[in-house]
Amino acid sequence: MTAPDDTRQKIIDAAKKRFAHYGYSKTTMADLAVDCDMSPGNLYRYFPGKLDIAEEIAREASIRTAEQLSHILTQPGRSAAERLHDFLFQDLRETFLTLEQDPKLVEMAQIITAERPHFHNEGIKREREVLRRIIEYGNVSGEFTVADPEFIAEMIQSATLKFSYPQLFTRLPLERLERELEGVYQIIIAGLRAGVSISDSPQNLVNH
């Protein structure tokens, strides 16, 4: 990395530690400047504000999650239905355990989601791309008959959003969430196997 990149990463790493220990709300830019051994003015050269640093931390985590989920696409000997199951449950378990181990991240995630909805949509789009490819794989293998994989991937995300960001929606334990997700998965997979002819068309949505 170049020197500016090194400094940005130093700020991000310091913020991760302070947010985890004190929480997002109790951390100030002045605190981070002290942790990074720089003046507040110099810190603002790299990030306009605390929320921008938090967003960058969350973006790193989002990209890492999408990369981990994409490995499901190359797992040998797995059917499309099994890959979809792997995707949904890996997403649930990893996010749940991350937030459970560091509850202060929940506060930061809630603030970013509320203040920067474009960022939240950016992360959802990354994961939706993996879902779309799983559905297309099912079409090719003959497991599924889906007319519009992109649209159906979006609908599956809508139906399972609670399980992608569990602590933002509920305080249920992981076992209960897994039970619920298994039920939702069974409904989804039954529909995919039966054939899904709907697509992203205003006429279809009105008629149904």
Protein backbone atom coordinates (compact mmCIF):
# COMPACT_ATOMS: atom_id res chain seq x y z
CA MET A 1 0.00 0.00 0.00
CA THR A 2 1.03 3.62 -0.51
CA ALA A 3 1.65 5.91 2.47
CA PRO A 4 -1.88 7.44 2.36
CA ASP A 5 -3.36 3.95 2.17
CA ASP A 6 -1.24 2.87 5.13
CA THR A 7 -2.51 5.83 7.14
CA ARG A 8 -6.13 5.12 6.22
CA GLN A 9 -5.73 1.52 7.31
CA LYS A 10 -4.09 2.64 10.55
CA ILE A 11 -7.13 4.83 11.27
CA ILE A 12 -9.53 2.00 10.42
CA ASP A 13 -7.67 -0.46 12.66
CA ALA A 14 -7.65 2.03 15.55
CA ALA A 15 -11.37 2.67 15.10
CA LYS A 16 -12.15 -1.04 15.13
CA LYS A 17 -10.47 -1.40 18.51
CA ARG A 18 -12.06 1.68 20.02
CA PHE A 19 -15.55 0.94 18.67
CA ALA A 20 -15.31 -2.61 20.01
CA HIS A 21 -14.22 -1.42 23.46
CA TYR A 22 -16.18 1.79 24.00
CA GLY A 23 -18.87 1.59 21.33
CA TYR A 24 -19.51 3.80 18.31
CA SER A 25 -21.49 6.51 20.12
CA LYS A 26 -18.89 7.03 22.84
CA THR A 27 -16.00 7.37 20.40
CA THR A 28 -15.02 10.77 19.02
CA MET A 29 -12.77 11.80 16.17
CA ALA A 30 -10.50 13.38 18.79
CA ASP A 31 -10.16 9.99 20.49
CA LEU A 32 -9.18 8.37 17.20
CA ALA A 33 -6.68 11.12 16.48
CA VAL A 34 -4.96 10.42 19.80
CA ASP A 35 -4.96 6.66 19.11
CA CYS A 36 -3.35 7.29 15.72
CA ASP A 37 -0.86 9.82 17.10
CA MET A 38 -2.04 12.56 14.76
CA SER A 39 -3.90 15.84 15.00
CA PRO A 40 -7.69 15.93 14.51
CA GLY A 41 -7.13 18.15 11.49
CA ASN A 42 -4.89 15.54 9.90
CA LEU A 43 -7.43 12.81 10.64
CA TYR A 44 -10.13 14.76 8.79
CA ARG A 45 -7.91 14.75 5.70
CA TYR A 46 -8.55 11.01 5.41
CA PHE A 47 -12.15 10.74 6.61
CA PRO A 48 -14.81 13.50 6.72
CA GLY A 49 -16.31 12.05 9.90
CA LYS A 50 -16.73 9.12 12.24
CA LEU A 51 -19.57 7.64 10.20
CA ASP A 52 -17.31 7.45 7.15
CA ILE A 53 -14.80 5.39 9.14
CA ALA A 54 -17.55 3.11 10.42
CA GLU A 55 -18.84 2.66 6.87
CA GLU A 56 -15.39 1.64 5.67
CA ILE A 57 -15.11 -0.92 8.48
CA ALA A 58 -18.51 -2.32 7.57
CA ARG A 59 -17.60 -2.36 3.85
CA GLU A 60 -14.50 -4.44 4.56
CA ALA A 61 -16.64 -6.92 6.50
CA SER A 62 -19.30 -6.99 3.77
CA ILE A 63 -16.78 -7.71 1.02
CA ARG A 64 -15.17 -10.43 3.13
CA THR A 65 -18.58 -12.04 3.74
CA ALA A 66 -19.45 -12.00 0.03
CA GLU A 67 -16.08 -13.55 -0.83
CA GLN A 68 -16.61 -16.32 1.72
CA LEU A 69 -20.10 -17.01 0.39
CA SER A 70 -18.80 -17.13 -3.18
CA HIS A 71 -16.68 -20.16 -2.25
CA ILE A 72 -19.95 -22.10 -2.13
CA LEU A 73 -20.07 -21.79 -5.93
CA THR A 74 -16.93 -23.89 -6.35
CA GLN A 75 -17.60 -26.62 -3.78
CA PRO A 76 -17.49 -29.96 -5.63
CA GLY A 77 -20.28 -32.51 -5.38
CA ARG A 78 -22.95 -30.09 -4.12
CA SER A 79 -26.31 -29.74 -5.82
CA ALA A 80 -27.86 -26.33 -6.39
CA ALA A 81 -30.34 -27.00 -3.57
CA GLU A 82 -27.48 -27.87 -1.21
CA ARG A 83 -25.54 -24.80 -2.27
CA LEU A 84 -28.57 -22.61 -1.58
CA HIS A 85 -28.88 -24.21 1.87
CA ASP A 86 -25.16 -23.65 2.49
CA PHE A 87 -25.50 -20.00 1.43
CA LEU A 88 -28.45 -19.19 3.69
CA PHE A 89 -27.13 -20.98 6.77
CA GLN A 90 -23.52 -19.83 6.42
CA ASP A 91 -24.73 -16.24 6.11
CA LEU A 92 -26.90 -16.61 9.22
CA ARG A 93 -24.32 -18.36 11.40
CA GLU A 94 -21.34 -16.20 10.57
CA THR A 95 -23.22 -12.92 10.98
CA PHE A 96 -24.97 -14.07 14.16
CA LEU A 97 -21.74 -15.23 15.81
CA THR A 98 -19.84 -12.09 14.77
CA LEU A 99 -22.47 -9.80 16.28
CA GLU A 100 -22.91 -12.03 19.34
CA GLN A 101 -19.19 -11.91 20.11
CA ASP A 102 -19.11 -8.13 19.68
CA PRO A 103 -22.52 -6.64 20.61
CA LYS A 104 -21.24 -3.09 20.08
CA LEU A 105 -21.14 -3.84 16.35
CA VAL A 106 -24.94 -4.08 16.39
CA GLU A 107 -25.19 -0.40 17.36
CA MET A 108 -22.78 0.58 14.60
CA ALA A 109 -24.61 -1.56 12.02
CA GLN A 110 -27.96 0.00 12.97
CA ILE A 111 -26.59 3.51 12.59
CA ILE A 112 -24.95 2.81 9.24
CA THR A 113 -28.12 1.14 7.92
CA ALA A 114 -30.21 4.14 8.95
CA GLU A 115 -27.79 6.88 7.87
CA ARG A 116 -26.26 5.28 4.78
CA PRO A 117 -28.94 3.12 3.09
CA HIS A 118 -26.92 3.11 -0.15
CA PHE A 119 -24.17 1.22 1.66
CA HIS A 120 -26.64 -1.37 2.95
CA ASN A 121 -27.93 -1.88 -0.58
CA GLU A 122 -24.38 -2.24 -1.84
CA GLY A 123 -23.76 -5.18 0.50
CA ILE A 124 -27.06 -6.83 -0.38
CA LYS A 125 -26.18 -6.58 -4.07
CA ARG A 126 -22.87 -8.41 -3.52
CA GLU A 127 -24.61 -11.33 -1.85
CA ARG A 128 -27.44 -11.35 -4.39
CA GLU A 129 -24.91 -11.97 -7.15
CA VAL A 130 -23.87 -15.23 -5.45
CA LEU A 131 -27.53 -16.22 -5.05
CA ARG A 132 -28.21 -15.54 -8.72
CA ARG A 133 -25.33 -17.78 -9.76
CA ILE A 134 -26.60 -20.60 -7.53
CA ILE A 135 -30.02 -20.37 -9.18
CA GLU A 136 -28.47 -20.32 -12.66
CA TYR A 137 -26.45 -23.40 -11.72
CA GLY A 138 -29.72 -25.08 -10.74
CA ASN A 139 -31.23 -24.16 -14.11
CA VAL A 140 -28.26 -25.68 -15.96
CA SER A 141 -28.26 -28.85 -13.83
CA GLY A 142 -31.99 -29.29 -14.36
CA GLU A 143 -32.88 -28.94 -10.66
CA PHE A 144 -34.67 -25.63 -11.14
CA THR A 145 -36.71 -23.98 -13.87
CA VAL A 146 -36.45 -20.29 -13.14
CA ALA A 147 -37.31 -17.76 -15.82
CA ASP A 148 -35.58 -14.75 -14.21
CA PRO A 149 -32.75 -15.77 -11.81
CA GLU A 150 -31.88 -12.16 -10.96
CA PHE A 151 -35.44 -11.35 -9.89
CA ILE A 152 -35.87 -14.60 -7.94
CA ALA A 153 -32.53 -14.03 -6.18
CA GLU A 154 -33.85 -10.64 -5.08
CA MET A 155 -37.09 -12.20 -3.83
CA ILE A 156 -35.21 -14.90 -1.88
CA GLN A 157 -33.18 -12.14 -0.25
CA SER A 158 -36.37 -10.31 0.67
CA ALA A 159 -37.81 -13.46 2.24
CA THR A 160 -34.65 -14.21 4.24
CA LEU A 161 -33.38 -10.73 5.15
CA LYS A 162 -34.13 -11.34 8.83
CA PHE A 163 -31.58 -14.16 8.82
CA SER A 164 -28.86 -12.15 7.10
CA TYR A 165 -28.82 -9.49 9.85
CA PRO A 166 -30.44 -11.39 12.76
CA GLN A 167 -29.61 -9.13 15.69
CA LEU A 168 -30.98 -6.11 13.86
CA PHE A 169 -34.42 -7.75 13.80
CA THR A 170 -34.71 -10.09 16.76
CA ARG A 171 -33.11 -11.43 19.92
CA LEU A 172 -33.97 -15.06 19.20
CA PRO A 173 -31.17 -17.58 19.88
CA LEU A 174 -29.36 -19.15 16.95
CA GLU A 175 -31.18 -22.49 17.36
CA ARG A 176 -34.58 -20.82 16.94
CA LEU A 177 -33.38 -18.81 13.97
CA GLU A 178 -32.03 -21.95 12.30
CA ARG A 179 -35.38 -23.69 12.82
CA GLU A 180 -37.21 -20.77 11.21
CA LEU A 181 -34.73 -20.54 8.35
CA GLU A 182 -35.04 -24.26 7.63
CA GLY A 183 -38.79 -23.82 7.24
CA VAL A 184 -38.40 -20.82 4.94
CA TYR A 185 -35.76 -22.71 2.93
CA GLN A 186 -38.09 -25.67 2.43
CA ILE A 187 -40.80 -23.37 1.06
CA ILE A 188 -38.31 -21.65 -1.27
CA ILE A 189 -36.78 -24.87 -2.58
CA ALA A 190 -40.20 -26.38 -3.23
CA GLY A 191 -41.05 -23.35 -5.37
CA LEU A 192 -37.75 -23.49 -7.26
CA ARG A 193 -38.17 -27.18 -8.01
CA ALA A 194 -41.76 -26.69 -9.15
CA GLY A 195 -40.67 -24.00 -11.59
CA VAL A 196 -40.86 -20.24 -11.14
CA SER A 197 -42.08 -18.40 -14.21
CA ILE A 198 -42.53 -14.92 -12.70
CA SER A 199 -40.08 -12.20 -13.65
CA ASP A 200 -39.43 -8.58 -12.80
CA SER A 201 -42.38 -7.23 -14.74
CA PRO A 202 -44.88 -4.63 -13.47
CA GLN A 203 -47.65 -6.55 -15.28
CA ASN A 204 -46.78 -9.78 -13.46
CA LEU A 205 -46.78 -8.04 -10.11
CA VAL A 206 -50.19 -6.46 -10.76
CA ASN A 207 -51.72 -9.72 -11.96
CA HIS A 208 -50.52 -11.59 -8.92
